[in-house]
Amino acid sequence: MNVINFKPTCEVAEYVERILVIENHQMITPFSLPLFANGLPTLLFKSTRGIINNRTTTHFTLFGQTILPETITFNEDFTIIAYFFKPYALSAVFDVSARELTDRPVDLNLVMPTGTTELQDRLLNADTVESMITLLDQFILHLLANSKRGSDLIKYAVSRIAGQPLPEISILLQKELHITEKTFRRTFEKNIGIAPNLYRRICQFNAAFQQLNNRNYEKLSDIAFQHGYADQSHYIRSFKEFTNITPKEYLNFGTSPENT
């Protein structure tokens, strides 16, 4: 299996956080990729139709915020390209409600039926991953040319929360931005799809997950304290909330290429 991370071009980087490519052209048994919360809506192109929650997906799937852990399973050779978008990209780029897509991945063709069929055919016939990414970049640039600019307030808020996912950050932001808790929560949910505190906990979990995944620690308690958890038990409960397994079970099972 080949796993490659691509840095977005400067033309799409305002809305695209990162790009992940996974190729497996020597399938022997079905392959399941875990989908864990990471705070980033995602456009997933798959050369082979996958299965999520016992439903066969199409080649294009658009994910909003993922809270409940899920898996996507492939029964034959595949190439997948995941565009991880900035948290505020759904309404700004795709003109869809962020709340409606939370834990509800949809076929991109249902969101925007015009042009996606032709793009899908060109991707399936592309010779290289690089040419596929070029096609997807062109598609996103076309969407951006007609998009609504994202809220500067929300951009600032998600940046601050992701950079400092501590319990008091929402209160600090409300004071700094001179808005009420109700207004902040309503605006955040509209643009991101979840409440600020849940987004904060997802960012906290994801930062800790990356450290665990990279084996950059000596004890689990090190991860817990570095990321603001009260203790190791608190961290394990949070990990299990977003993955359905414990950190030890995850490590014993084997490291996934990414948490999607």
Protein backbone atom coordinates (compact mmCIF):
# COMPACT_ATOMS: atom_id res chain seq x y z
CA MET A 1 0.00 0.00 0.00
CA ASN A 2 1.27 3.43 -0.94
CA VAL A 3 0.43 6.50 1.16
CA ILE A 4 1.34 10.00 -0.04
CA ASN A 5 0.60 13.40 1.47
CA PHE A 6 0.41 16.37 -0.91
CA LYS A 7 0.62 20.02 0.03
CA PRO A 8 -2.22 22.04 -1.55
CA THR A 9 -1.24 24.57 -4.19
CA CYS A 10 -1.39 28.21 -3.18
CA GLU A 11 -4.46 28.68 -5.40
CA VAL A 12 -6.59 26.35 -3.26
CA ALA A 13 -4.75 26.57 0.07
CA GLU A 14 -7.17 29.11 1.55
CA TYR A 15 -9.81 26.39 1.71
CA VAL A 16 -7.86 23.11 1.41
CA GLU A 17 -5.89 22.00 4.47
CA ARG A 18 -4.14 18.97 2.99
CA ILE A 19 -4.42 16.18 0.43
CA LEU A 20 -3.99 12.48 1.13
CA VAL A 21 -3.58 9.73 -1.47
CA ILE A 22 -3.76 6.01 -0.65
CA GLU A 23 -3.17 3.35 -3.31
CA ASN A 24 -3.53 -0.39 -2.88
CA HIS A 25 -3.05 -2.42 -6.05
CA GLN A 26 -2.35 -5.79 -4.46
CA MET A 27 -5.59 -6.55 -2.64
CA ILE A 28 -5.79 -10.01 -1.13
CA THR A 29 -8.44 -9.46 1.52
CA PRO A 30 -10.93 -6.61 2.03
CA PHE A 31 -9.32 -3.43 3.34
CA SER A 32 -11.06 -1.20 5.90
CA LEU A 33 -9.99 2.38 6.51
CA PRO A 34 -11.13 3.93 9.81
CA LEU A 35 -12.83 7.32 9.60
CA PHE A 36 -12.24 9.27 12.81
CA ALA A 37 -13.11 12.82 13.80
CA ASN A 38 -10.54 15.42 12.79
CA GLY A 39 -12.58 18.62 12.44
CA LEU A 40 -12.13 18.82 8.66
CA PRO A 41 -14.85 18.32 6.03
CA THR A 42 -13.55 16.07 3.28
CA LEU A 43 -14.07 15.34 -0.40
CA LEU A 44 -13.19 11.71 -1.06
CA PHE A 45 -12.66 10.36 -4.57
CA LYS A 46 -12.45 6.58 -4.87
CA SER A 47 -11.49 4.66 -8.00
CA THR A 48 -13.49 1.74 -6.60
CA ARG A 49 -16.83 1.98 -4.86
CA GLY A 50 -16.42 1.53 -1.12
CA ILE A 51 -18.83 0.48 1.60
CA ILE A 52 -19.74 2.76 4.53
CA ASN A 53 -22.25 1.60 7.13
CA ASN A 54 -23.38 -1.30 4.89
CA ARG A 55 -24.09 1.11 2.03
CA THR A 56 -22.14 1.09 -1.22
CA THR A 57 -20.79 4.54 -1.97
CA THR A 58 -20.28 6.23 -5.32
CA HIS A 59 -16.90 7.43 -6.56
CA PHE A 60 -17.38 10.86 -4.94
CA THR A 61 -18.34 11.29 -1.29
CA LEU A 62 -18.57 14.62 0.53
CA PHE A 63 -18.14 14.47 4.31
CA GLY A 64 -19.11 17.14 6.80
CA GLN A 65 -17.95 16.98 10.39
CA THR A 66 -17.38 13.39 11.49
CA ILE A 67 -18.19 12.70 15.14
CA LEU A 68 -19.20 9.04 15.28
CA PRO A 69 -16.42 6.68 14.17
CA GLU A 70 -17.00 4.80 10.94
CA THR A 71 -15.06 2.75 8.40
CA ILE A 72 -14.93 2.55 4.64
CA THR A 73 -14.24 -0.90 3.20
CA PHE A 74 -12.84 -1.84 -0.21
CA ASN A 75 -13.07 -5.28 -1.75
CA GLU A 76 -10.78 -4.68 -4.73
CA ASP A 77 -7.74 -2.63 -5.73
CA PHE A 78 -8.26 1.07 -5.17
CA THR A 79 -6.88 4.58 -5.31
CA ILE A 80 -8.43 7.16 -3.01
CA ILE A 81 -7.75 10.88 -2.97
CA ALA A 82 -8.95 12.82 0.07
CA TYR A 83 -9.12 16.59 0.02
CA PHE A 84 -9.30 17.74 3.63
CA PHE A 85 -10.89 21.18 3.65
CA LYS A 86 -10.69 23.95 6.21
CA PRO A 87 -13.56 23.63 8.74
CA TYR A 88 -15.55 26.51 7.20
CA ALA A 89 -15.35 25.29 3.57
CA LEU A 90 -18.70 23.50 3.18
CA SER A 91 -20.91 26.56 2.92
CA ALA A 92 -18.24 28.77 1.34
CA VAL A 93 -17.13 26.36 -1.40
CA PHE A 94 -19.94 23.85 -1.88
CA ASP A 95 -22.86 26.08 -0.84
CA VAL A 96 -24.29 23.38 1.42
CA SER A 97 -25.40 23.48 5.04
CA ALA A 98 -22.62 22.34 7.34
CA ARG A 99 -25.16 21.12 9.90
CA GLU A 100 -26.92 18.90 7.38
CA LEU A 101 -23.71 17.02 6.58
CA THR A 102 -22.56 16.36 10.16
CA ASP A 103 -22.20 12.57 10.38
CA ARG A 104 -24.11 12.36 7.08
CA PRO A 105 -21.71 11.84 4.14
CA VAL A 106 -23.41 12.36 0.79
CA ASP A 107 -22.82 11.58 -2.86
CA LEU A 108 -21.27 14.71 -4.40
CA ASN A 109 -23.49 14.22 -7.46
CA LEU A 110 -26.52 14.91 -5.29
CA VAL A 111 -25.01 18.17 -4.05
CA MET A 112 -23.93 19.44 -7.47
CA PRO A 113 -25.07 17.23 -10.36
CA THR A 114 -23.63 19.49 -13.07
CA GLY A 115 -20.07 18.69 -14.13
CA THR A 116 -19.26 15.95 -11.63
CA THR A 117 -20.04 13.07 -14.00
CA GLU A 118 -17.55 14.37 -16.57
CA LEU A 119 -14.95 14.95 -13.85
CA GLN A 120 -15.47 11.43 -12.53
CA ASP A 121 -14.90 9.93 -15.98
CA ARG A 122 -11.71 11.94 -16.48
CA LEU A 123 -10.39 10.89 -13.08
CA LEU A 124 -11.11 7.21 -13.72
CA ASN A 125 -9.19 7.44 -16.99
CA ALA A 126 -6.27 9.50 -15.68
CA ASP A 127 -2.83 7.91 -15.95
CA THR A 128 -1.20 9.26 -12.79
CA VAL A 129 -2.13 10.47 -9.32
CA GLU A 130 -0.58 13.84 -10.16
CA SER A 131 -2.90 14.30 -13.13
CA MET A 132 -5.87 13.33 -10.95
CA ILE A 133 -4.92 15.99 -8.40
CA THR A 134 -4.61 18.55 -11.20
CA LEU A 135 -8.15 17.71 -12.31
CA LEU A 136 -9.48 18.00 -8.76
CA ASP A 137 -7.66 21.30 -8.25
CA GLN A 138 -9.25 22.67 -11.41
CA PHE A 139 -12.67 21.57 -10.18
CA ILE A 140 -12.16 23.28 -6.82
CA LEU A 141 -10.84 26.44 -8.45
CA HIS A 142 -13.99 26.54 -10.56
CA LEU A 143 -16.10 26.27 -7.41
CA LEU A 144 -14.04 28.96 -5.68
CA ALA A 145 -14.55 31.35 -8.58
CA ASN A 146 -18.28 31.29 -7.82
CA SER A 147 -18.10 30.82 -4.05
CA LYS A 148 -19.14 32.97 -1.15
CA ARG A 149 -16.27 34.17 0.99
CA GLY A 150 -16.23 32.47 4.38
CA SER A 151 -16.91 34.46 7.54
CA ASP A 152 -13.76 36.13 8.84
CA LEU A 153 -15.09 35.75 12.38
CA ILE A 154 -15.45 31.99 11.95
CA LYS A 155 -12.05 31.66 10.27
CA TYR A 156 -10.47 33.41 13.21
CA ALA A 157 -12.44 31.41 15.77
CA VAL A 158 -11.57 27.98 14.33
CA SER A 159 -7.92 28.97 14.05
CA ARG A 160 -7.81 30.00 17.70
CA ILE A 161 -9.68 26.91 18.93
CA ALA A 162 -7.56 24.50 16.88
CA GLY A 163 -4.40 26.19 18.09
CA GLN A 164 -5.45 26.17 21.75
CA PRO A 165 -8.18 23.56 22.33
CA LEU A 166 -8.58 24.24 26.04
CA PRO A 167 -11.95 24.42 27.88
CA GLU A 168 -11.79 28.19 28.43
CA ILE A 169 -11.04 29.14 24.81
CA SER A 170 -14.71 29.63 23.80
CA ILE A 171 -15.32 32.05 26.68
CA LEU A 172 -12.17 33.96 25.80
CA LEU A 173 -13.28 34.21 22.16
CA GLN A 174 -16.74 35.47 23.10
CA LYS A 175 -15.18 38.25 25.13
CA GLU A 176 -12.61 39.05 22.49
CA LEU A 177 -15.18 39.17 19.69
CA HIS A 178 -17.78 40.98 21.85
CA ILE A 179 -20.58 38.54 21.11
CA THR A 180 -22.90 36.54 23.35
CA GLU A 181 -22.57 32.82 23.93
CA LYS A 182 -25.84 32.21 22.06
CA THR A 183 -24.77 34.22 19.00
CA PHE A 184 -21.32 32.62 18.93
CA ARG A 185 -22.75 29.11 19.17
CA ARG A 186 -25.42 29.73 16.50
CA THR A 187 -22.94 31.28 14.05
CA PHE A 188 -20.40 28.52 14.67
CA GLU A 189 -22.90 25.69 14.20
CA LYS A 190 -24.19 27.25 10.98
CA ASN A 191 -20.73 27.48 9.42
CA ILE A 192 -18.95 24.48 10.96
CA GLY A 193 -21.81 22.07 11.64
CA ILE A 194 -21.16 21.48 15.35
CA ALA A 195 -21.01 23.50 18.56
CA PRO A 196 -17.75 25.30 19.47
CA ASN A 197 -17.09 23.09 22.49
CA LEU A 198 -17.50 19.88 20.49
CA TYR A 199 -15.18 21.26 17.82
CA ARG A 200 -12.68 22.10 20.56
CA ARG A 201 -12.82 18.52 21.91
CA ILE A 202 -12.34 17.11 18.41
CA CYS A 203 -9.27 19.33 17.90
CA GLN A 204 -7.95 18.23 21.29
CA PHE A 205 -8.51 14.56 20.41
CA ASN A 206 -6.97 14.93 16.95
CA ALA A 207 -3.81 16.61 18.24
CA ALA A 208 -3.39 13.84 20.81
CA PHE A 209 -4.17 11.20 18.17
CA GLN A 210 -1.41 12.48 15.91
CA GLN A 211 1.10 12.22 18.74
CA LEU A 212 -0.06 8.68 19.54
CA ASN A 213 -0.03 7.70 15.86
CA ASN A 214 3.53 8.98 15.45
CA ARG A 215 4.65 7.10 18.60
CA ASN A 216 6.03 10.39 19.91
CA TYR A 217 5.64 9.71 23.64
CA GLU A 218 6.89 7.54 26.48
CA LYS A 219 3.67 7.05 28.46
CA LEU A 220 0.01 7.66 27.65
CA SER A 221 -0.11 10.06 30.58
CA ASP A 222 2.42 12.23 28.69
CA ILE A 223 -0.07 12.62 25.84
CA ALA A 224 -2.92 13.30 28.27
CA PHE A 225 -1.19 16.13 30.10
CA GLN A 226 0.36 17.69 26.99
CA HIS A 227 -3.07 18.06 25.44
CA GLY A 228 -5.02 19.37 28.38
CA TYR A 229 -6.72 16.21 29.64
CA ALA A 230 -7.22 15.94 33.39
CA ASP A 231 -5.47 12.59 33.54
CA GLN A 232 -4.83 9.42 31.55
CA SER A 233 -8.33 8.06 32.23
CA HIS A 234 -9.87 11.25 30.85
CA TYR A 235 -7.78 10.90 27.69
CA ILE A 236 -8.74 7.24 27.24
CA ARG A 237 -12.45 8.09 27.60
CA SER A 238 -12.13 10.80 24.97
CA PHE A 239 -10.23 8.51 22.62
CA LYS A 240 -12.87 5.81 22.96
CA GLU A 241 -15.66 8.37 22.38
CA PHE A 242 -14.26 9.23 18.95
CA THR A 243 -12.94 5.79 17.91
CA ASN A 244 -14.94 3.15 19.85
CA ILE A 245 -11.63 1.61 20.96
CA THR A 246 -8.94 2.44 23.51
CA PRO A 247 -5.49 3.79 22.59
CA LYS A 248 -3.97 0.40 23.49
CA GLU A 249 -6.44 -1.44 21.25
CA TYR A 250 -5.69 1.00 18.43
CA LEU A 251 -1.94 0.46 18.73
CA ASN A 252 -2.36 -3.31 18.90
CA PHE A 253 -4.59 -3.27 15.84
CA GLY A 254 -2.07 -1.31 13.80
CA THR A 255 -1.63 2.25 12.66
CA SER A 256 -3.95 3.61 9.99
CA PRO A 257 -2.59 5.87 7.25
CA GLU A 258 -4.65 8.84 8.49
CA ASN A 259 -7.70 9.68 10.49
CA THR A 260 -10.16 10.97 7.95
